[in-house]
């Protein structure tokens, strides 16, 4: 079984102009200086392994968590900004994770990257 952080790095760093650096002690991915994904493993003892990603806002966040609470959660600190945590423990649907990370990248990326064809 692939380590979730290793697999997440493959996905995130394949997107244009991304970089990884620590933010608040967590492996975090940025595009043009804006955060779009953060890996968390047992963050503040919550027992979860997740990737935190952007959504279109609090309505989309609420809909995702309500529709699939086993997959999505409201992450500490980032939750009030509409982010969700996507569960990376157990049997992970990597196609879903890849799509959520790419969508988060699109929400953070500058217009010039999106106009150049995006992902």
PDB file of N, CA and C in Angstrom:
ATOM      1  N   UNK A   1       0.852  -1.190   0.000  1.00  0.00           N
ATOM      2  CA  UNK A   1       0.000   0.000   0.000  1.00  0.00           C
ATOM      3  C   UNK A   1       0.891   1.245   0.000  1.00  0.00           C
ATOM      4  N   UNK A   2       0.586   2.174  -0.872  1.00  0.00           N
ATOM      5  CA  UNK A   2       1.356   3.400  -0.980  1.00  0.00           C
ATOM      6  C   UNK A   2       1.063   4.316   0.202  1.00  0.00           C
ATOM      7  N   UNK A   3       2.117   4.923   0.710  1.00  0.00           N
ATOM      8  CA  UNK A   3       1.975   5.916   1.765  1.00  0.00           C
ATOM      9  C   UNK A   3       1.119   7.076   1.232  1.00  0.00           C
ATOM     10  N   UNK A   4       0.088   7.505   1.981  1.00  0.00           N
ATOM     11  CA  UNK A   4      -0.800   8.555   1.469  1.00  0.00           C
ATOM     12  C   UNK A   4      -0.085   9.866   1.141  1.00  0.00           C
ATOM     13  N   UNK A   5       0.915  10.247   1.925  1.00  0.00           N
ATOM     14  CA  UNK A   5       1.630  11.494   1.633  1.00  0.00           C
ATOM     15  C   UNK A   5       2.427  11.373   0.342  1.00  0.00           C
ATOM     16  N   UNK A   6       3.068  10.225   0.131  1.00  0.00           N
ATOM     17  CA  UNK A   6       3.814  10.007  -1.115  1.00  0.00           C
ATOM     18  C   UNK A   6       2.881  10.106  -2.310  1.00  0.00           C
ATOM     19  N   UNK A   7       1.723   9.457  -2.212  1.00  0.00           N
ATOM     20  CA  UNK A   7       0.741   9.474  -3.311  1.00  0.00           C
ATOM     21  C   UNK A   7       0.188  10.876  -3.526  1.00  0.00           C
ATOM     22  N   UNK A   8      -0.089  11.592  -2.441  1.00  0.00           N
ATOM     23  CA  UNK A   8      -0.577  12.966  -2.543  1.00  0.00           C
ATOM     24  C   UNK A   8       0.459  13.868  -3.206  1.00  0.00           C
ATOM     25  N   UNK A   9       1.723  13.697  -2.842  1.00  0.00           N
ATOM     26  CA  UNK A   9       2.792  14.498  -3.470  1.00  0.00           C
ATOM     27  C   UNK A   9       2.808  14.299  -4.983  1.00  0.00           C
ATOM     28  N   UNK A  10       2.655  13.044  -5.435  1.00  0.00           N
ATOM     29  CA  UNK A  10       2.644  12.757  -6.878  1.00  0.00           C
ATOM     30  C   UNK A  10       1.542  13.556  -7.565  1.00  0.00           C
ATOM     31  N   UNK A  11       0.369  13.574  -6.957  1.00  0.00           N
ATOM     32  CA  UNK A  11      -0.781  14.282  -7.529  1.00  0.00           C
ATOM     33  C   UNK A  11      -0.558  15.788  -7.528  1.00  0.00           C
ATOM     34  N   UNK A  12      -0.222  16.330  -6.374  1.00  0.00           N
ATOM     35  CA  UNK A  12      -0.130  17.784  -6.228  1.00  0.00           C
ATOM     36  C   UNK A  12       1.023  18.369  -7.037  1.00  0.00           C
ATOM     37  N   UNK A  13       2.173  17.721  -6.998  1.00  0.00           N
ATOM     38  CA  UNK A  13       3.350  18.282  -7.671  1.00  0.00           C
ATOM     39  C   UNK A  13       3.316  18.097  -9.181  1.00  0.00           C
ATOM     40  N   UNK A  14       2.373  17.300  -9.681  1.00  0.00           N
ATOM     41  CA  UNK A  14       2.203  17.149 -11.132  1.00  0.00           C
ATOM     42  C   UNK A  14       1.453  18.337 -11.735  1.00  0.00           C
ATOM     43  N   UNK A  15       0.808  19.127 -10.895  1.00  0.00           N
ATOM     44  CA  UNK A  15       0.055  20.287 -11.371  1.00  0.00           C
ATOM     45  C   UNK A  15       1.019  21.439 -11.662  1.00  0.00           C
ATOM     46  N   UNK A  16       0.694  22.295 -12.637  1.00  0.00           N
ATOM     47  CA  UNK A  16       1.614  23.360 -13.039  1.00  0.00           C
ATOM     48  C   UNK A  16       1.986  24.321 -11.904  1.00  0.00           C
ATOM     49  N   UNK A  17       3.284  24.632 -11.861  1.00  0.00           N
ATOM     50  CA  UNK A  17       3.838  25.656 -10.973  1.00  0.00           C
ATOM     51  C   UNK A  17       3.517  25.447  -9.501  1.00  0.00           C
ATOM     52  N   UNK A  18       3.520  24.186  -9.072  1.00  0.00           N
ATOM     53  CA  UNK A  18       3.269  23.917  -7.655  1.00  0.00           C
ATOM     54  C   UNK A  18       4.571  23.710  -6.919  1.00  0.00           C
ATOM     55  N   UNK A  19       4.516  23.959  -5.618  1.00  0.00           N
ATOM     56  CA  UNK A  19       5.653  23.697  -4.758  1.00  0.00           C
ATOM     57  C   UNK A  19       5.129  23.195  -3.424  1.00  0.00           C
ATOM     58  N   UNK A  20       5.986  22.456  -2.732  1.00  0.00           N
ATOM     59  CA  UNK A  20       5.642  21.966  -1.400  1.00  0.00           C
ATOM     60  C   UNK A  20       6.542  22.649  -0.394  1.00  0.00           C
ATOM     61  N   UNK A  21       5.943  23.109   0.695  1.00  0.00           N
ATOM     62  CA  UNK A  21       6.715  23.591   1.834  1.00  0.00           C
ATOM     63  C   UNK A  21       5.873  23.406   3.085  1.00  0.00           C
ATOM     64  N   UNK A  22       6.535  23.405   4.222  1.00  0.00           N
ATOM     65  CA  UNK A  22       5.820  23.225   5.482  1.00  0.00           C
ATOM     66  C   UNK A  22       5.059  24.498   5.825  1.00  0.00           C
ATOM     67  N   UNK A  23       3.842  24.330   6.294  1.00  0.00           N
ATOM     68  CA  UNK A  23       3.041  25.427   6.814  1.00  0.00           C
ATOM     69  C   UNK A  23       2.415  24.924   8.106  1.00  0.00           C
ATOM     70  N   UNK A  24       2.698  25.601   9.197  1.00  0.00           N
ATOM     71  CA  UNK A  24       2.221  25.162  10.513  1.00  0.00           C
ATOM     72  C   UNK A  24       2.629  23.713  10.786  1.00  0.00           C
ATOM     73  N   UNK A  25       3.832  23.344  10.322  1.00  0.00           N
ATOM     74  CA  UNK A  25       4.367  22.015  10.562  1.00  0.00           C
ATOM     75  C   UNK A  25       3.801  20.918   9.677  1.00  0.00           C
ATOM     76  N   UNK A  26       2.938  21.271   8.732  1.00  0.00           N
ATOM     77  CA  UNK A  26       2.287  20.278   7.867  1.00  0.00           C
ATOM     78  C   UNK A  26       2.821  20.399   6.435  1.00  0.00           C
ATOM     79  N   UNK A  27       2.989  19.273   5.711  1.00  0.00           N
ATOM     80  CA  UNK A  27       3.334  19.348   4.290  1.00  0.00           C
ATOM     81  C   UNK A  27       2.187  20.047   3.546  1.00  0.00           C
ATOM     82  N   UNK A  28       2.515  21.156   2.888  1.00  0.00           N
ATOM     83  CA  UNK A  28       1.495  21.996   2.266  1.00  0.00           C
ATOM     84  C   UNK A  28       1.913  22.322   0.843  1.00  0.00           C
ATOM     85  N   UNK A  29       0.932  22.371  -0.044  1.00  0.00           N
ATOM     86  CA  UNK A  29       1.181  22.586  -1.469  1.00  0.00           C
ATOM     87  C   UNK A  29       0.631  23.940  -1.895  1.00  0.00           C
ATOM     88  N   UNK A  30       1.423  24.656  -2.693  1.00  0.00           N
ATOM     89  CA  UNK A  30       1.111  26.014  -3.102  1.00  0.00           C
ATOM     90  C   UNK A  30       1.203  26.146  -4.614  1.00  0.00           C
ATOM     91  N   UNK A  31       0.395  27.052  -5.176  1.00  0.00           N
ATOM     92  CA  UNK A  31       0.518  27.485  -6.570  1.00  0.00           C
ATOM     93  C   UNK A  31       0.571  29.002  -6.532  1.00  0.00           C
ATOM     94  N   UNK A  32       1.600  29.572  -7.141  1.00  0.00           N
ATOM     95  CA  UNK A  32       1.772  31.037  -7.172  1.00  0.00           C
ATOM     96  C   UNK A  32       1.631  31.645  -5.768  1.00  0.00           C
ATOM     97  N   UNK A  33       2.181  30.954  -4.772  1.00  0.00           N
ATOM     98  CA  UNK A  33       2.165  31.462  -3.409  1.00  0.00           C
ATOM     99  C   UNK A  33       0.877  31.251  -2.634  1.00  0.00           C
ATOM    100  N   UNK A  34      -0.143  30.657  -3.264  1.00  0.00           N
ATOM    101  CA  UNK A  34      -1.427  30.414  -2.584  1.00  0.00           C
ATOM    102  C   UNK A  34      -1.570  28.938  -2.262  1.00  0.00           C
ATOM    103  N   UNK A  35      -1.944  28.658  -1.038  1.00  0.00           N
ATOM    104  CA  UNK A  35      -2.111  27.287  -0.570  1.00  0.00           C
ATOM    105  C   UNK A  35      -3.319  26.645  -1.243  1.00  0.00           C
ATOM    106  N   UNK A  36      -3.149  25.380  -1.696  1.00  0.00           N
ATOM    107  CA  UNK A  36      -4.302  24.676  -2.258  1.00  0.00           C
ATOM    108  C   UNK A  36      -4.500  23.284  -1.670  1.00  0.00           C
ATOM    109  N   UNK A  37      -3.535  22.752  -0.942  1.00  0.00           N
ATOM    110  CA  UNK A  37      -3.705  21.444  -0.314  1.00  0.00           C
ATOM    111  C   UNK A  37      -2.760  21.335   0.873  1.00  0.00           C
ATOM    112  N   UNK A  38      -3.250  20.692   1.930  1.00  0.00           N
ATOM    113  CA  UNK A  38      -2.415  20.468   3.114  1.00  0.00           C
ATOM    114  C   UNK A  38      -2.656  19.050   3.629  1.00  0.00           C
ATOM    115  N   UNK A  39      -1.576  18.313   3.832  1.00  0.00           N
ATOM    116  CA  UNK A  39      -1.653  16.963   4.382  1.00  0.00           C
ATOM    117  C   UNK A  39      -1.635  17.057   5.901  1.00  0.00           C
ATOM    118  N   UNK A  40      -2.536  16.326   6.532  1.00  0.00           N
ATOM    119  CA  UNK A  40      -2.576  16.277   7.991  1.00  0.00           C
ATOM    120  C   UNK A  40      -2.706  14.827   8.442  1.00  0.00           C
ATOM    121  N   UNK A  41      -1.861  14.451   9.395  1.00  0.00           N
ATOM    122  CA  UNK A  41      -1.918  13.118   9.986  1.00  0.00           C
ATOM    123  C   UNK A  41      -2.007  13.279  11.489  1.00  0.00           C
ATOM    124  N   UNK A  42      -3.161  12.952  12.059  1.00  0.00           N
ATOM    125  CA  UNK A  42      -3.402  13.067  13.495  1.00  0.00           C
ATOM    126  C   UNK A  42      -3.132  14.497  13.979  1.00  0.00           C
ATOM    127  N   UNK A  43      -3.651  15.451  13.228  1.00  0.00           N
ATOM    128  CA  UNK A  43      -3.464  16.870  13.528  1.00  0.00           C
ATOM    129  C   UNK A  43      -4.070  17.201  14.887  1.00  0.00           C
ATOM    130  N   UNK A  44      -3.257  17.679  15.794  1.00  0.00           N
ATOM    131  CA  UNK A  44      -3.691  17.993  17.169  1.00  0.00           C
ATOM    132  C   UNK A  44      -4.436  16.823  17.813  1.00  0.00           C
ATOM    133  N   UNK A  45      -4.005  15.587  17.473  1.00  0.00           N
ATOM    134  CA  UNK A  45      -4.590  14.409  18.102  1.00  0.00           C
ATOM    135  C   UNK A  45      -5.990  14.051  17.643  1.00  0.00           C
ATOM    136  N   UNK A  46      -6.395  14.513  16.434  1.00  0.00           N
ATOM    137  CA  UNK A  46      -7.761  14.224  15.973  1.00  0.00           C
ATOM    138  C   UNK A  46      -7.923  12.806  15.416  1.00  0.00           C
ATOM    139  N   UNK A  47      -6.821  12.073  15.243  1.00  0.00           N
ATOM    140  CA  UNK A  47      -6.889  10.693  14.768  1.00  0.00           C
ATOM    141  C   UNK A  47      -7.149  10.535  13.285  1.00  0.00           C
ATOM    142  N   UNK A  48      -7.206  11.635  12.537  1.00  0.00           N
ATOM    143  CA  UNK A  48      -7.537  11.582  11.109  1.00  0.00           C
ATOM    144  C   UNK A  48      -6.285  11.723  10.242  1.00  0.00           C
ATOM    145  N   UNK A  49      -6.307  11.076   9.083  1.00  0.00           N
ATOM    146  CA  UNK A  49      -5.319  11.305   8.037  1.00  0.00           C
ATOM    147  C   UNK A  49      -6.101  11.856   6.853  1.00  0.00           C
ATOM    148  N   UNK A  50      -5.872  13.127   6.537  1.00  0.00           N
ATOM    149  CA  UNK A  50      -6.656  13.808   5.502  1.00  0.00           C
ATOM    150  C   UNK A  50      -5.767  14.701   4.647  1.00  0.00           C
ATOM    151  N   UNK A  51      -6.304  15.073   3.486  1.00  0.00           N
ATOM    152  CA  UNK A  51      -5.768  16.194   2.739  1.00  0.00           C
ATOM    153  C   UNK A  51      -6.843  17.271   2.790  1.00  0.00           C
ATOM    154  N   UNK A  52      -6.446  18.460   3.201  1.00  0.00           N
ATOM    155  CA  UNK A  52      -7.371  19.595   3.238  1.00  0.00           C
ATOM    156  C   UNK A  52      -7.295  20.306   1.895  1.00  0.00           C
ATOM    157  N   UNK A  53      -8.469  20.570   1.303  1.00  0.00           N
ATOM    158  CA  UNK A  53      -8.545  21.221  -0.003  1.00  0.00           C
ATOM    159  C   UNK A  53      -9.615  22.304   0.000  1.00  0.00           C
ATOM    160  N   UNK A  54      -9.471  23.233  -0.923  1.00  0.00           N
ATOM    161  CA  UNK A  54     -10.446  24.304  -1.091  1.00  0.00           C
ATOM    162  C   UNK A  54     -11.730  23.747  -1.713  1.00  0.00           C
ATOM    163  N   UNK A  55     -12.843  24.412  -1.416  1.00  0.00           N
ATOM    164  CA  UNK A  55     -14.105  24.154  -2.127  1.00  0.00           C
ATOM    165  C   UNK A  55     -14.568  25.494  -2.678  1.00  0.00           C
ATOM    166  N   UNK A  56     -15.695  25.478  -3.348  1.00  0.00           N
ATOM    167  CA  UNK A  56     -16.256  26.711  -3.875  1.00  0.00           C
ATOM    168  C   UNK A  56     -16.833  27.614  -2.790  1.00  0.00           C
ATOM    169  N   UNK A  57     -16.872  27.150  -1.553  1.00  0.00           N
ATOM    170  CA  UNK A  57     -17.392  27.957  -0.454  1.00  0.00           C
ATOM    171  C   UNK A  57     -18.140  27.117   0.561  1.00  0.00           C
ATOM    172  N   UNK A  58     -18.734  27.789   1.533  1.00  0.00           N
ATOM    173  CA  UNK A  58     -19.370  27.080   2.650  1.00  0.00           C
ATOM    174  C   UNK A  58     -20.556  26.221   2.200  1.00  0.00           C
ATOM    175  N   UNK A  59     -21.277  26.610   1.140  1.00  0.00           N
ATOM    176  CA  UNK A  59     -22.398  25.791   0.663  1.00  0.00           C
ATOM    177  C   UNK A  59     -21.891  24.448   0.122  1.00  0.00           C
ATOM    178  N   UNK A  60     -20.853  24.501  -0.705  1.00  0.00           N
ATOM    179  CA  UNK A  60     -20.296  23.256  -1.248  1.00  0.00           C
ATOM    180  C   UNK A  60     -19.693  22.420  -0.118  1.00  0.00           C
ATOM    181  N   UNK A  61     -19.009  23.054   0.805  1.00  0.00           N
ATOM    182  CA  UNK A  61     -18.430  22.353   1.952  1.00  0.00           C
ATOM    183  C   UNK A  61     -19.515  21.578   2.710  1.00  0.00           C
ATOM    184  N   UNK A  62     -20.608  22.251   3.049  1.00  0.00           N
ATOM    185  CA  UNK A  62     -21.698  21.623   3.802  1.00  0.00           C
ATOM    186  C   UNK A  62     -22.314  20.471   3.019  1.00  0.00           C
ATOM    187  N   UNK A  63     -22.513  20.658   1.721  1.00  0.00           N
ATOM    188  CA  UNK A  63     -23.102  19.623   0.882  1.00  0.00           C
ATOM    189  C   UNK A  63     -22.211  18.380   0.844  1.00  0.00           C
ATOM    190  N   UNK A  64     -20.903  18.557   0.684  1.00  0.00           N
ATOM    191  CA  UNK A  64     -19.982  17.422   0.630  1.00  0.00           C
ATOM    192  C   UNK A  64     -19.978  16.653   1.952  1.00  0.00           C
ATOM    193  N   UNK A  65     -19.881  17.371   3.066  1.00  0.00           N
ATOM    194  CA  UNK A  65     -19.834  16.722   4.378  1.00  0.00           C
ATOM    195  C   UNK A  65     -21.142  15.987   4.666  1.00  0.00           C
ATOM    196  N   UNK A  66     -22.253  16.602   4.308  1.00  0.00           N
ATOM    197  CA  UNK A  66     -23.555  15.961   4.542  1.00  0.00           C
ATOM    198  C   UNK A  66     -23.725  14.727   3.661  1.00  0.00           C
ATOM    199  N   UNK A  67     -23.285  14.810   2.401  1.00  0.00           N
ATOM    200  CA  UNK A  67     -23.472  13.708   1.457  1.00  0.00           C
ATOM    201  C   UNK A  67     -22.547  12.526   1.751  1.00  0.00           C
ATOM    202  N   UNK A  68     -21.345  12.791   2.261  1.00  0.00           N
ATOM    203  CA  UNK A  68     -20.376  11.704   2.466  1.00  0.00           C
ATOM    204  C   UNK A  68     -19.508  11.976   3.696  1.00  0.00           C
ATOM    205  N   UNK A  69     -20.108  11.894   4.893  1.00  0.00           N
ATOM    206  CA  UNK A  69     -19.356  12.202   6.113  1.00  0.00           C
ATOM    207  C   UNK A  69     -18.195  11.244   6.380  1.00  0.00           C
ATOM    208  N   UNK A  70     -18.216  10.065   5.758  1.00  0.00           N
ATOM    209  CA  UNK A  70     -17.094   9.141   5.917  1.00  0.00           C
ATOM    210  C   UNK A  70     -15.888   9.567   5.077  1.00  0.00           C
ATOM    211  N   UNK A  71     -16.131  10.417   4.084  1.00  0.00           N
ATOM    212  CA  UNK A  71     -15.071  10.891   3.195  1.00  0.00           C
ATOM    213  C   UNK A  71     -14.630  12.307   3.546  1.00  0.00           C
ATOM    214  N   UNK A  72     -15.593  13.186   3.847  1.00  0.00           N
ATOM    215  CA  UNK A  72     -15.295  14.606   4.051  1.00  0.00           C
ATOM    216  C   UNK A  72     -15.489  15.034   5.499  1.00  0.00           C
ATOM    217  N   UNK A  73     -14.658  15.973   5.931  1.00  0.00           N
ATOM    218  CA  UNK A  73     -14.781  16.544   7.272  1.00  0.00           C
ATOM    219  C   UNK A  73     -14.462  18.041   7.196  1.00  0.00           C
ATOM    220  N   UNK A  74     -14.796  18.738   8.271  1.00  0.00           N
ATOM    221  CA  UNK A  74     -14.524  20.177   8.355  1.00  0.00           C
ATOM    222  C   UNK A  74     -13.233  20.350   9.140  1.00  0.00           C
ATOM    223  N   UNK A  75     -12.138  20.708   8.460  1.00  0.00           N
ATOM    224  CA  UNK A  75     -10.850  20.755   9.142  1.00  0.00           C
ATOM    225  C   UNK A  75     -10.701  21.959  10.074  1.00  0.00           C
ATOM    226  N   UNK A  76      -9.977  21.730  11.166  1.00  0.00           N
ATOM    227  CA  UNK A  76      -9.668  22.828  12.085  1.00  0.00           C
ATOM    228  C   UNK A  76      -8.916  23.918  11.326  1.00  0.00           C
ATOM    229  N   UNK A  77      -9.196  25.149  11.666  1.00  0.00           N
ATOM    230  CA  UNK A  77      -8.536  26.350  11.129  1.00  0.00           C
ATOM    231  C   UNK A  77      -8.928  26.675   9.688  1.00  0.00           C
ATOM    232  N   UNK A  78      -8.928  25.687   8.795  1.00  0.00           N
ATOM    233  CA  UNK A  78      -9.258  25.946   7.388  1.00  0.00           C
ATOM    234  C   UNK A  78     -10.758  25.821   7.120  1.00  0.00           C
ATOM    235  N   UNK A  79     -11.470  25.101   7.965  1.00  0.00           N
ATOM    236  CA  UNK A  79     -12.905  24.886   7.785  1.00  0.00           C
ATOM    237  C   UNK A  79     -13.722  26.157   7.656  1.00  0.00           C
ATOM    238  N   UNK A  80     -13.466  27.173   8.501  1.00  0.00           N
ATOM    239  CA  UNK A  80     -14.254  28.404   8.388  1.00  0.00           C
ATOM    240  C   UNK A  80     -14.107  29.106   7.034  1.00  0.00           C
ATOM    241  N   UNK A  81     -13.047  28.780   6.291  1.00  0.00           N
ATOM    242  CA  UNK A  81     -12.855  29.361   4.955  1.00  0.00           C
ATOM    243  C   UNK A  81     -13.446  28.496   3.852  1.00  0.00           C
ATOM    244  N   UNK A  82     -14.202  27.453   4.236  1.00  0.00           N
ATOM    245  CA  UNK A  82     -14.867  26.611   3.238  1.00  0.00           C
ATOM    246  C   UNK A  82     -14.069  25.410   2.790  1.00  0.00           C
ATOM    247  N   UNK A  83     -12.947  25.139   3.412  1.00  0.00           N
ATOM    248  CA  UNK A  83     -12.144  23.977   3.041  1.00  0.00           C
ATOM    249  C   UNK A  83     -12.782  22.698   3.592  1.00  0.00           C
ATOM    250  N   UNK A  84     -12.423  21.553   2.997  1.00  0.00           N
ATOM    251  CA  UNK A  84     -12.810  20.254   3.531  1.00  0.00           C
ATOM    252  C   UNK A  84     -11.570  19.394   3.694  1.00  0.00           C
ATOM    253  N   UNK A  85     -11.666  18.444   4.630  1.00  0.00           N
ATOM    254  CA  UNK A  85     -10.668  17.400   4.737  1.00  0.00           C
ATOM    255  C   UNK A  85     -11.193  16.185   3.994  1.00  0.00           C
ATOM    256  N   UNK A  86     -10.350  15.577   3.165  1.00  0.00           N
ATOM    257  CA  UNK A  86     -10.715  14.361   2.436  1.00  0.00           C
ATOM    258  C   UNK A  86      -9.949  13.210   3.086  1.00  0.00           C
ATOM    259  N   UNK A  87     -10.675  12.207   3.551  1.00  0.00           N
ATOM    260  CA  UNK A  87     -10.102  11.085   4.277  1.00  0.00           C
ATOM    261  C   UNK A  87      -9.097  10.311   3.426  1.00  0.00           C
ATOM    262  N   UNK A  88      -7.887  10.107   3.971  1.00  0.00           N
ATOM    263  CA  UNK A  88      -6.853   9.328   3.277  1.00  0.00           C
ATOM    264  C   UNK A  88      -6.532   8.034   4.014  1.00  0.00           C
ATOM    265  N   UNK A  89      -7.405   7.616   4.937  1.00  0.00           N
ATOM    266  CA  UNK A  89      -7.187   6.373   5.679  1.00  0.00           C
ATOM    267  C   UNK A  89      -8.028   5.257   5.061  1.00  0.00           C
ATOM    268  N   UNK A  90      -7.538   4.026   5.183  1.00  0.00           N
ATOM    269  CA  UNK A  90      -8.289   2.876   4.683  1.00  0.00           C
ATOM    270  C   UNK A  90      -8.267   2.789   3.173  1.00  0.00           C
ATOM    271  N   UNK A  91      -9.398   2.361   2.607  1.00  0.00           N
ATOM    272  CA  UNK A  91      -9.524   2.234   1.153  1.00  0.00           C
ATOM    273  C   UNK A  91      -9.807   3.609   0.558  1.00  0.00           C
ATOM    274  N   UNK A  92      -8.802   4.204  -0.038  1.00  0.00           N
ATOM    275  CA  UNK A  92      -8.917   5.570  -0.554  1.00  0.00           C
ATOM    276  C   UNK A  92      -9.323   5.542  -2.023  1.00  0.00           C
ATOM    277  N   UNK A  93     -10.292   6.361  -2.377  1.00  0.00           N
ATOM    278  CA  UNK A  93     -10.689   6.551  -3.775  1.00  0.00           C
ATOM    279  C   UNK A  93      -9.759   7.621  -4.350  1.00  0.00           C
ATOM    280  N   UNK A  94      -8.620   7.172  -4.889  1.00  0.00           N
ATOM    281  CA  UNK A  94      -7.614   8.140  -5.342  1.00  0.00           C
ATOM    282  C   UNK A  94      -8.090   8.964  -6.532  1.00  0.00           C
ATOM    283  N   UNK A  95      -8.981   8.452  -7.347  1.00  0.00           N
ATOM    284  CA  UNK A  95      -9.525   9.264  -8.448  1.00  0.00           C
ATOM    285  C   UNK A  95     -10.271  10.467  -7.869  1.00  0.00           C
ATOM    286  N   UNK A  96     -11.038  10.249  -6.810  1.00  0.00           N
ATOM    287  CA  UNK A  96     -11.750  11.343  -6.149  1.00  0.00           C
ATOM    288  C   UNK A  96     -10.761  12.321  -5.518  1.00  0.00           C
ATOM    289  N   UNK A  97      -9.759  11.798  -4.822  1.00  0.00           N
ATOM    290  CA  UNK A  97      -8.759  12.662  -4.190  1.00  0.00           C
ATOM    291  C   UNK A  97      -8.036  13.497  -5.250  1.00  0.00           C
ATOM    292  N   UNK A  98      -7.617  12.846  -6.329  1.00  0.00           N
ATOM    293  CA  UNK A  98      -6.920  13.566  -7.406  1.00  0.00           C
ATOM    294  C   UNK A  98      -7.787  14.695  -7.952  1.00  0.00           C
ATOM    295  N   UNK A  99      -9.069  14.410  -8.145  1.00  0.00           N
ATOM    296  CA  UNK A  99      -9.980  15.415  -8.677  1.00  0.00           C
ATOM    297  C   UNK A  99     -10.161  16.579  -7.696  1.00  0.00           C
ATOM    298  N   UNK A 100     -10.322  16.283  -6.410  1.00  0.00           N
ATOM    299  CA  UNK A 100     -10.508  17.349  -5.407  1.00  0.00           C
ATOM    300  C   UNK A 100      -9.252  18.198  -5.290  1.00  0.00           C
ATOM    301  N   UNK A 101      -8.067  17.584  -5.356  1.00  0.00           N
ATOM    302  CA  UNK A 101      -6.814  18.338  -5.289  1.00  0.00           C
ATOM    303  C   UNK A 101      -6.687  19.237  -6.522  1.00  0.00           C
ATOM    304  N   UNK A 102      -7.005  18.695  -7.697  1.00  0.00           N
ATOM    305  CA  UNK A 102      -6.920  19.486  -8.930  1.00  0.00           C
ATOM    306  C   UNK A 102      -7.931  20.639  -8.910  1.00  0.00           C
ATOM    307  N   UNK A 103      -9.125  20.384  -8.421  1.00  0.00           N
ATOM    308  CA  UNK A 103     -10.125  21.458  -8.325  1.00  0.00           C
ATOM    309  C   UNK A 103      -9.656  22.535  -7.353  1.00  0.00           C
ATOM    310  N   UNK A 104      -9.058  22.131  -6.251  1.00  0.00           N
ATOM    311  CA  UNK A 104      -8.543  23.083  -5.281  1.00  0.00           C
ATOM    312  C   UNK A 104      -7.433  23.925  -5.914  1.00  0.00           C
ATOM    313  N   UNK A 105      -6.581  23.260  -6.696  1.00  0.00           N
ATOM    314  CA  UNK A 105      -5.523  23.977  -7.428  1.00  0.00           C
ATOM    315  C   UNK A 105      -6.142  25.036  -8.337  1.00  0.00           C
ATOM    316  N   UNK A 106      -7.211  24.654  -9.054  1.00  0.00           N
ATOM    317  CA  UNK A 106      -7.884  25.601  -9.960  1.00  0.00           C
ATOM    318  C   UNK A 106      -8.445  26.800  -9.203  1.00  0.00           C
ATOM    319  N   UNK A 107      -8.943  26.566  -7.983  1.00  0.00           N
ATOM    320  CA  UNK A 107      -9.508  27.663  -7.188  1.00  0.00           C
ATOM    321  C   UNK A 107      -8.425  28.602  -6.672  1.00  0.00           C
ATOM    322  N   UNK A 108      -7.188  28.127  -6.574  1.00  0.00           N
ATOM    323  CA  UNK A 108      -6.086  28.945  -6.062  1.00  0.00           C
ATOM    324  C   UNK A 108      -5.199  29.521  -7.157  1.00  0.00           C
ATOM    325  N   UNK A 109      -5.172  28.886  -8.309  1.00  0.00           N
ATOM    326  CA  UNK A 109      -4.236  29.267  -9.374  1.00  0.00           C
ATOM    327  C   UNK A 109      -4.577  30.637  -9.973  1.00  0.00           C
ATOM    328  N   UNK A 110      -3.541  31.359 -10.388  1.00  0.00           N
ATOM    329  CA  UNK A 110      -3.790  32.643 -11.047  1.00  0.00           C
ATOM    330  C   UNK A 110      -4.431  32.437 -12.423  1.00  0.00           C
ATOM    331  N   UNK A 111      -5.151  33.445 -12.852  1.00  0.00           N
ATOM    332  CA  UNK A 111      -5.870  33.388 -14.130  1.00  0.00           C
ATOM    333  C   UNK A 111      -4.948  32.988 -15.283  1.00  0.00           C
ATOM    334  N   UNK A 112      -3.715  33.487 -15.292  1.00  0.00           N
ATOM    335  CA  UNK A 112      -2.807  33.188 -16.411  1.00  0.00           C
ATOM    336  C   UNK A 112      -2.568  31.689 -16.570  1.00  0.00           C
ATOM    337  N   UNK A 113      -2.529  30.953 -15.455  1.00  0.00           N
ATOM    338  CA  UNK A 113      -2.356  29.493 -15.551  1.00  0.00           C
ATOM    339  C   UNK A 113      -3.623  28.835 -16.057  1.00  0.00           C
ATOM    340  N   UNK A 114      -4.773  29.312 -15.611  1.00  0.00           N
ATOM    341  CA  UNK A 114      -6.036  28.740 -16.068  1.00  0.00           C
ATOM    342  C   UNK A 114      -6.244  29.014 -17.552  1.00  0.00           C
ATOM    343  N   UNK A 115      -5.877  30.228 -17.988  1.00  0.00           N
ATOM    344  CA  UNK A 115      -6.030  30.587 -19.401  1.00  0.00           C
ATOM    345  C   UNK A 115      -5.052  29.817 -20.277  1.00  0.00           C
ATOM    346  N   UNK A 116      -3.943  29.367 -19.682  1.00  0.00           N
ATOM    347  CA  UNK A 116      -2.955  28.600 -20.431  1.00  0.00           C
ATOM    348  C   UNK A 116      -3.350  27.137 -20.566  1.00  0.00           C
ATOM    349  N   UNK A 117      -4.507  26.787 -20.041  1.00  0.00           N
ATOM    350  CA  UNK A 117      -4.997  25.421 -20.176  1.00  0.00           C
ATOM    351  C   UNK A 117      -5.136  24.705 -18.852  1.00  0.00           C
ATOM    352  N   UNK A 118      -4.691  25.338 -17.782  1.00  0.00           N
ATOM    353  CA  UNK A 118      -4.857  24.751 -16.463  1.00  0.00           C
ATOM    354  C   UNK A 118      -4.175  23.411 -16.332  1.00  0.00           C
ATOM    355  N   UNK A 119      -4.894  22.490 -15.749  1.00  0.00           N
ATOM    356  CA  UNK A 119      -4.319  21.173 -15.511  1.00  0.00           C
ATOM    357  C   UNK A 119      -4.432  20.383 -16.750  1.00  0.00           C
TER     358      UNK A 119
END
